[in-house]
Amino acid sequence: MFAVRIHGRGGQGAVTAAELLSVAAFDEGRHAQAFPTFGSERTGAPVVSFCRIDDRPIRLREPITDPDAVLVQDPTLLHEVNLFAGLEPGGFLLLNTTRSVASLGLEELAVRLGPAHVVTVPATELAREHLGRPLPNAALLGAFAALTGEVSLAAVCAAFRERFPGDVGEGNVRTAEAAHEHVRTTTRRPAGA
């Protein structure tokens, strides 16, 4: 089973990201579940959502404490929440930021996880450019597909097109594609990854 935890703030699409990741996995013939947890339901409040992907039915229903991947939609959460709890060596970390891992003070974490497993993506900027709105979820899911290979970029794009038909869906697809290419270029992954 592959477990993903997504940290963000209300209004950034963390819940939608988990849902669409589960749809992408399901559309590729896998079992998946997605669910959120949050306190005060207001824009800007910390939100955590979860997604599990497996080749067998998933019976677990509790929050993910030991993720295989952590996606961080808002870098201001780095010093407010214990984002990396349970993330073991070999796990994956995607951060929405234009800053480097070194400038964030995360070199030790990068060494523990593996340098190619910690990637920063300018998700908000890519979304502004391709979608016209600062919503980082499509970029992070495109980057997730490139980084982990757990779902394909095609499945991520299909999930966005299904959920948001028309211009909004296509803007999200362009955002996901740009982030996928960013990760492939940054980490030198092959085109099929």
C-alpha atoms as a PDB file:
ATOM      1  CA  MET A   1       0.000   0.000   0.000  1.00  0.00           C
ATOM      2  CA  PHE A   2       1.206   3.504  -0.844  1.00  0.00           C
ATOM      3  CA  ALA A   3       0.097   6.170   1.658  1.00  0.00           C
ATOM      4  CA  VAL A   4       0.060   9.897   0.878  1.00  0.00           C
ATOM      5  CA  ARG A   5      -0.468  12.770   3.309  1.00  0.00           C
ATOM      6  CA  ILE A   6      -1.209  16.235   1.935  1.00  0.00           C
ATOM      7  CA  HIS A   7      -0.716  19.333   4.112  1.00  0.00           C
ATOM      8  CA  GLY A   8      -2.192  22.644   3.077  1.00  0.00           C
ATOM      9  CA  ARG A   9      -4.444  25.478   4.112  1.00  0.00           C
ATOM     10  CA  GLY A  10      -8.178  25.786   3.618  1.00  0.00           C
ATOM     11  CA  GLY A  11      -8.898  27.007   0.108  1.00  0.00           C
ATOM     12  CA  GLN A  12      -5.743  25.563  -1.510  1.00  0.00           C
ATOM     13  CA  GLY A  13      -7.380  22.353  -2.712  1.00  0.00           C
ATOM     14  CA  ALA A  14      -5.783  19.788  -0.359  1.00  0.00           C
ATOM     15  CA  VAL A  15      -9.027  17.835  -0.050  1.00  0.00           C
ATOM     16  CA  THR A  16      -9.623  17.967  -3.798  1.00  0.00           C
ATOM     17  CA  ALA A  17      -6.023  16.861  -4.437  1.00  0.00           C
ATOM     18  CA  ALA A  18      -6.512  13.703  -2.342  1.00  0.00           C
ATOM     19  CA  GLU A  19      -9.824  12.969  -4.059  1.00  0.00           C
ATOM     20  CA  LEU A  20      -8.390  13.403  -7.553  1.00  0.00           C
ATOM     21  CA  LEU A  21      -5.316  11.338  -6.717  1.00  0.00           C
ATOM     22  CA  SER A  22      -7.618   8.509  -5.632  1.00  0.00           C
ATOM     23  CA  VAL A  23      -9.653   8.888  -8.844  1.00  0.00           C
ATOM     24  CA  ALA A  24      -6.470   8.739 -10.942  1.00  0.00           C
ATOM     25  CA  ALA A  25      -5.382   5.538  -9.175  1.00  0.00           C
ATOM     26  CA  PHE A  26      -8.857   4.011  -9.439  1.00  0.00           C
ATOM     27  CA  ASP A  27      -9.025   4.810 -13.158  1.00  0.00           C
ATOM     28  CA  GLU A  28      -5.771   2.865 -13.570  1.00  0.00           C
ATOM     29  CA  GLY A  29      -7.382  -0.218 -12.021  1.00  0.00           C
ATOM     30  CA  ARG A  30      -6.118   0.179  -8.467  1.00  0.00           C
ATOM     31  CA  HIS A  31      -7.931   0.477  -5.173  1.00  0.00           C
ATOM     32  CA  ALA A  32      -7.852   3.902  -3.555  1.00  0.00           C
ATOM     33  CA  GLN A  33      -9.393   5.960  -0.785  1.00  0.00           C
ATOM     34  CA  ALA A  34      -9.208   9.639   0.091  1.00  0.00           C
ATOM     35  CA  PHE A  35     -10.410  11.589   3.104  1.00  0.00           C
ATOM     36  CA  PRO A  36      -9.611  14.855   4.918  1.00  0.00           C
ATOM     37  CA  THR A  37      -9.202  16.007   8.481  1.00  0.00           C
ATOM     38  CA  PHE A  38      -9.431  19.614   9.556  1.00  0.00           C
ATOM     39  CA  GLY A  39     -10.342  21.733  12.548  1.00  0.00           C
ATOM     40  CA  SER A  40     -11.978  25.077  11.985  1.00  0.00           C
ATOM     41  CA  GLU A  41     -13.528  25.139   8.544  1.00  0.00           C
ATOM     42  CA  ARG A  42     -12.217  28.421   7.257  1.00  0.00           C
ATOM     43  CA  THR A  43      -9.976  29.651   4.519  1.00  0.00           C
ATOM     44  CA  GLY A  44      -6.350  29.642   5.624  1.00  0.00           C
ATOM     45  CA  ALA A  45      -6.724  27.118   8.448  1.00  0.00           C
ATOM     46  CA  PRO A  46      -4.373  24.092   8.327  1.00  0.00           C
ATOM     47  CA  VAL A  47      -5.874  21.119   6.508  1.00  0.00           C
ATOM     48  CA  VAL A  48      -4.586  17.579   6.137  1.00  0.00           C
ATOM     49  CA  SER A  49      -5.933  15.116   3.598  1.00  0.00           C
ATOM     50  CA  PHE A  50      -4.983  11.522   2.985  1.00  0.00           C
ATOM     51  CA  CYS A  51      -4.908   9.090   0.081  1.00  0.00           C
ATOM     52  CA  ARG A  52      -4.120   5.386   0.046  1.00  0.00           C
ATOM     53  CA  ILE A  53      -3.385   3.434  -3.133  1.00  0.00           C
ATOM     54  CA  ASP A  54      -3.106  -0.335  -3.341  1.00  0.00           C
ATOM     55  CA  ASP A  55      -3.582  -3.274  -5.681  1.00  0.00           C
ATOM     56  CA  ARG A  56      -5.877  -4.917  -3.114  1.00  0.00           C
ATOM     57  CA  PRO A  57      -8.974  -3.643  -1.305  1.00  0.00           C
ATOM     58  CA  ILE A  58      -8.141  -1.141   1.439  1.00  0.00           C
ATOM     59  CA  ARG A  59      -9.687  -1.867   4.817  1.00  0.00           C
ATOM     60  CA  LEU A  60      -7.905   0.790   6.908  1.00  0.00           C
ATOM     61  CA  ARG A  61      -9.934   3.869   7.800  1.00  0.00           C
ATOM     62  CA  GLU A  62      -7.678   5.872  10.110  1.00  0.00           C
ATOM     63  CA  PRO A  63      -5.504   8.882   9.312  1.00  0.00           C
ATOM     64  CA  ILE A  64      -2.084   8.152   7.829  1.00  0.00           C
ATOM     65  CA  THR A  65       0.640   8.411  10.460  1.00  0.00           C
ATOM     66  CA  ASP A  66       3.417   6.716   8.444  1.00  0.00           C
ATOM     67  CA  PRO A  67       3.178   8.120   4.910  1.00  0.00           C
ATOM     68  CA  ASP A  68       5.199   7.009   1.918  1.00  0.00           C
ATOM     69  CA  ALA A  69       4.862  10.529   0.502  1.00  0.00           C
ATOM     70  CA  VAL A  70       4.113  13.960   1.930  1.00  0.00           C
ATOM     71  CA  LEU A  71       2.919  16.831  -0.249  1.00  0.00           C
ATOM     72  CA  VAL A  72       3.148  20.320   1.251  1.00  0.00           C
ATOM     73  CA  GLN A  73       0.955  22.898  -0.454  1.00  0.00           C
ATOM     74  CA  ASP A  74       1.958  25.840   1.727  1.00  0.00           C
ATOM     75  CA  PRO A  75       5.575  26.331   2.864  1.00  0.00           C
ATOM     76  CA  THR A  76       4.438  28.504   5.795  1.00  0.00           C
ATOM     77  CA  LEU A  77       3.341  25.250   7.433  1.00  0.00           C
ATOM     78  CA  LEU A  78       6.977  24.112   7.700  1.00  0.00           C
ATOM     79  CA  HIS A  79       7.359  25.756  11.099  1.00  0.00           C
ATOM     80  CA  GLU A  80       3.782  25.362  12.373  1.00  0.00           C
ATOM     81  CA  VAL A  81       3.058  21.662  11.981  1.00  0.00           C
ATOM     82  CA  ASN A  82       5.163  18.501  12.297  1.00  0.00           C
ATOM     83  CA  LEU A  83       4.831  17.774   8.580  1.00  0.00           C
ATOM     84  CA  PHE A  84       7.425  15.035   8.402  1.00  0.00           C
ATOM     85  CA  ALA A  85       6.206  12.832  11.266  1.00  0.00           C
ATOM     86  CA  GLY A  86       6.319   9.177  10.249  1.00  0.00           C
ATOM     87  CA  LEU A  87       8.113   9.809   6.948  1.00  0.00           C
ATOM     88  CA  GLU A  88      10.782   7.106   6.777  1.00  0.00           C
ATOM     89  CA  PRO A  89      13.980   6.863   4.695  1.00  0.00           C
ATOM     90  CA  GLY A  90      13.063   6.240   1.075  1.00  0.00           C
ATOM     91  CA  GLY A  91       9.861   8.271   1.446  1.00  0.00           C
ATOM     92  CA  PHE A  92       9.007  11.149  -0.875  1.00  0.00           C
ATOM     93  CA  LEU A  93       8.559  14.830  -0.101  1.00  0.00           C
ATOM     94  CA  LEU A  94       7.130  17.436  -2.485  1.00  0.00           C
ATOM     95  CA  LEU A  95       7.213  21.062  -1.366  1.00  0.00           C
ATOM     96  CA  ASN A  96       5.391  23.930  -3.034  1.00  0.00           C
ATOM     97  CA  THR A  97       8.074  26.595  -2.985  1.00  0.00           C
ATOM     98  CA  THR A  98      10.522  28.447  -5.191  1.00  0.00           C
ATOM     99  CA  ARG A  99      13.198  28.098  -2.494  1.00  0.00           C
ATOM    100  CA  SER A 100      15.805  25.353  -2.423  1.00  0.00           C
ATOM    101  CA  VAL A 101      15.871  22.502   0.071  1.00  0.00           C
ATOM    102  CA  ALA A 102      19.072  23.998   1.533  1.00  0.00           C
ATOM    103  CA  SER A 103      17.548  27.459   2.013  1.00  0.00           C
ATOM    104  CA  LEU A 104      14.626  25.833   3.862  1.00  0.00           C
ATOM    105  CA  GLY A 105      17.033  24.120   6.250  1.00  0.00           C
ATOM    106  CA  LEU A 106      15.952  20.650   5.139  1.00  0.00           C
ATOM    107  CA  GLU A 107      19.305  19.215   4.038  1.00  0.00           C
ATOM    108  CA  GLU A 108      19.321  16.620   6.833  1.00  0.00           C
ATOM    109  CA  LEU A 109      15.838  15.427   5.861  1.00  0.00           C
ATOM    110  CA  ALA A 110      16.895  15.242   2.203  1.00  0.00           C
ATOM    111  CA  VAL A 111      19.885  13.093   3.121  1.00  0.00           C
ATOM    112  CA  ARG A 112      17.667  10.792   5.223  1.00  0.00           C
ATOM    113  CA  LEU A 113      15.014  10.362   2.518  1.00  0.00           C
ATOM    114  CA  GLY A 114      17.413  10.405  -0.422  1.00  0.00           C
ATOM    115  CA  PRO A 115      18.260  13.545  -2.409  1.00  0.00           C
ATOM    116  CA  ALA A 116      16.112  12.537  -5.400  1.00  0.00           C
ATOM    117  CA  HIS A 117      13.154  11.958  -3.043  1.00  0.00           C
ATOM    118  CA  VAL A 118      12.869  15.574  -1.875  1.00  0.00           C
ATOM    119  CA  VAL A 119      11.751  17.994  -4.563  1.00  0.00           C
ATOM    120  CA  THR A 120      10.640  21.602  -4.519  1.00  0.00           C
ATOM    121  CA  VAL A 121       8.113  22.666  -7.138  1.00  0.00           C
ATOM    122  CA  PRO A 122       6.940  26.235  -7.822  1.00  0.00           C
ATOM    123  CA  ALA A 123       3.355  24.928  -7.804  1.00  0.00           C
ATOM    124  CA  THR A 124       1.633  28.224  -7.007  1.00  0.00           C
ATOM    125  CA  GLU A 125       3.533  30.036  -9.756  1.00  0.00           C
ATOM    126  CA  LEU A 126       2.795  27.285 -12.287  1.00  0.00           C
ATOM    127  CA  ALA A 127      -0.894  27.453 -11.381  1.00  0.00           C
ATOM    128  CA  ARG A 128      -0.966  31.237 -11.791  1.00  0.00           C
ATOM    129  CA  GLU A 129       0.674  30.898 -15.189  1.00  0.00           C
ATOM    130  CA  HIS A 130      -1.438  28.050 -16.597  1.00  0.00           C
ATOM    131  CA  LEU A 131      -4.686  28.260 -14.617  1.00  0.00           C
ATOM    132  CA  GLY A 132      -4.811  31.936 -13.699  1.00  0.00           C
ATOM    133  CA  ARG A 133      -5.343  31.111 -10.002  1.00  0.00           C
ATOM    134  CA  PRO A 134      -2.866  30.295  -7.191  1.00  0.00           C
ATOM    135  CA  LEU A 135      -4.122  26.744  -6.537  1.00  0.00           C
ATOM    136  CA  PRO A 136      -1.148  24.369  -6.150  1.00  0.00           C
ATOM    137  CA  ASN A 137      -2.967  21.008  -6.171  1.00  0.00           C
ATOM    138  CA  ALA A 138      -2.773  20.217  -9.913  1.00  0.00           C
ATOM    139  CA  ALA A 139       0.931  21.054 -10.014  1.00  0.00           C
ATOM    140  CA  LEU A 140       1.654  18.901  -6.982  1.00  0.00           C
ATOM    141  CA  LEU A 141      -0.252  15.940  -8.438  1.00  0.00           C
ATOM    142  CA  GLY A 142       1.608  16.240 -11.744  1.00  0.00           C
ATOM    143  CA  ALA A 143       4.865  16.417  -9.789  1.00  0.00           C
ATOM    144  CA  PHE A 144       3.786  13.438  -7.656  1.00  0.00           C
ATOM    145  CA  ALA A 145       3.230  11.361 -10.804  1.00  0.00           C
ATOM    146  CA  ALA A 146       6.752  12.176 -12.026  1.00  0.00           C
ATOM    147  CA  LEU A 147       8.429  11.689  -8.662  1.00  0.00           C
ATOM    148  CA  THR A 148       6.826   8.437  -7.499  1.00  0.00           C
ATOM    149  CA  GLY A 149       5.351   6.725 -10.568  1.00  0.00           C
ATOM    150  CA  GLU A 150       2.398   5.599  -8.410  1.00  0.00           C
ATOM    151  CA  VAL A 151      -0.031   7.094 -10.948  1.00  0.00           C
ATOM    152  CA  SER A 152       0.532   8.279 -14.488  1.00  0.00           C
ATOM    153  CA  LEU A 153       0.356  11.864 -15.650  1.00  0.00           C
ATOM    154  CA  ALA A 154      -2.374  10.788 -18.083  1.00  0.00           C
ATOM    155  CA  ALA A 155      -4.521   9.510 -15.192  1.00  0.00           C
ATOM    156  CA  VAL A 156      -3.995  12.737 -13.219  1.00  0.00           C
ATOM    157  CA  CYS A 157      -4.990  14.804 -16.262  1.00  0.00           C
ATOM    158  CA  ALA A 158      -8.054  12.641 -16.906  1.00  0.00           C
ATOM    159  CA  ALA A 159      -9.170  13.081 -13.287  1.00  0.00           C
ATOM    160  CA  PHE A 160      -8.934  16.887 -13.591  1.00  0.00           C
ATOM    161  CA  ARG A 161     -10.780  16.893 -16.909  1.00  0.00           C
ATOM    162  CA  GLU A 162     -13.557  14.758 -15.437  1.00  0.00           C
ATOM    163  CA  ARG A 163     -13.949  16.878 -12.292  1.00  0.00           C
ATOM    164  CA  PHE A 164     -13.542  20.272 -14.005  1.00  0.00           C
ATOM    165  CA  PRO A 165     -14.717  20.115 -17.626  1.00  0.00           C
ATOM    166  CA  GLY A 166     -13.831  22.971 -19.948  1.00  0.00           C
ATOM    167  CA  ASP A 167     -11.288  25.731 -19.470  1.00  0.00           C
ATOM    168  CA  VAL A 168     -10.747  25.082 -15.744  1.00  0.00           C
ATOM    169  CA  GLY A 169      -9.934  21.431 -16.365  1.00  0.00           C
ATOM    170  CA  GLU A 170      -7.596  22.267 -19.220  1.00  0.00           C
ATOM    171  CA  GLY A 171      -5.828  24.903 -17.113  1.00  0.00           C
ATOM    172  CA  ASN A 172      -5.288  22.310 -14.397  1.00  0.00           C
ATOM    173  CA  VAL A 173      -3.998  19.833 -16.981  1.00  0.00           C
ATOM    174  CA  ARG A 174      -1.464  22.364 -18.296  1.00  0.00           C
ATOM    175  CA  THR A 175      -0.389  23.065 -14.707  1.00  0.00           C
ATOM    176  CA  ALA A 176       0.051  19.340 -13.940  1.00  0.00           C
ATOM    177  CA  GLU A 177       2.005  18.820 -17.165  1.00  0.00           C
ATOM    178  CA  ALA A 178       4.340  21.744 -16.409  1.00  0.00           C
ATOM    179  CA  ALA A 179       5.041  20.456 -12.891  1.00  0.00           C
ATOM    180  CA  HIS A 180       5.591  16.922 -14.201  1.00  0.00           C
ATOM    181  CA  GLU A 181       8.177  18.275 -16.643  1.00  0.00           C
ATOM    182  CA  HIS A 182       9.768  20.369 -13.871  1.00  0.00           C
ATOM    183  CA  VAL A 183      10.311  17.258 -11.716  1.00  0.00           C
ATOM    184  CA  ARG A 184      11.565  15.194 -14.657  1.00  0.00           C
ATOM    185  CA  THR A 185      14.068  17.932 -15.502  1.00  0.00           C
ATOM    186  CA  THR A 186      15.095  18.637 -11.896  1.00  0.00           C
ATOM    187  CA  THR A 187      15.590  14.985 -10.957  1.00  0.00           C
ATOM    188  CA  ARG A 188      16.599  13.773 -14.439  1.00  0.00           C
ATOM    189  CA  ARG A 189      13.860  11.158 -14.568  1.00  0.00           C
ATOM    190  CA  PRO A 190      13.103   9.437 -17.908  1.00  0.00           C
ATOM    191  CA  ALA A 191      10.116  10.593 -19.961  1.00  0.00           C
ATOM    192  CA  GLY A 192       8.044   7.505 -19.116  1.00  0.00           C
ATOM    193  CA  ALA A 193       8.280   8.179 -15.376  1.00  0.00           C
END
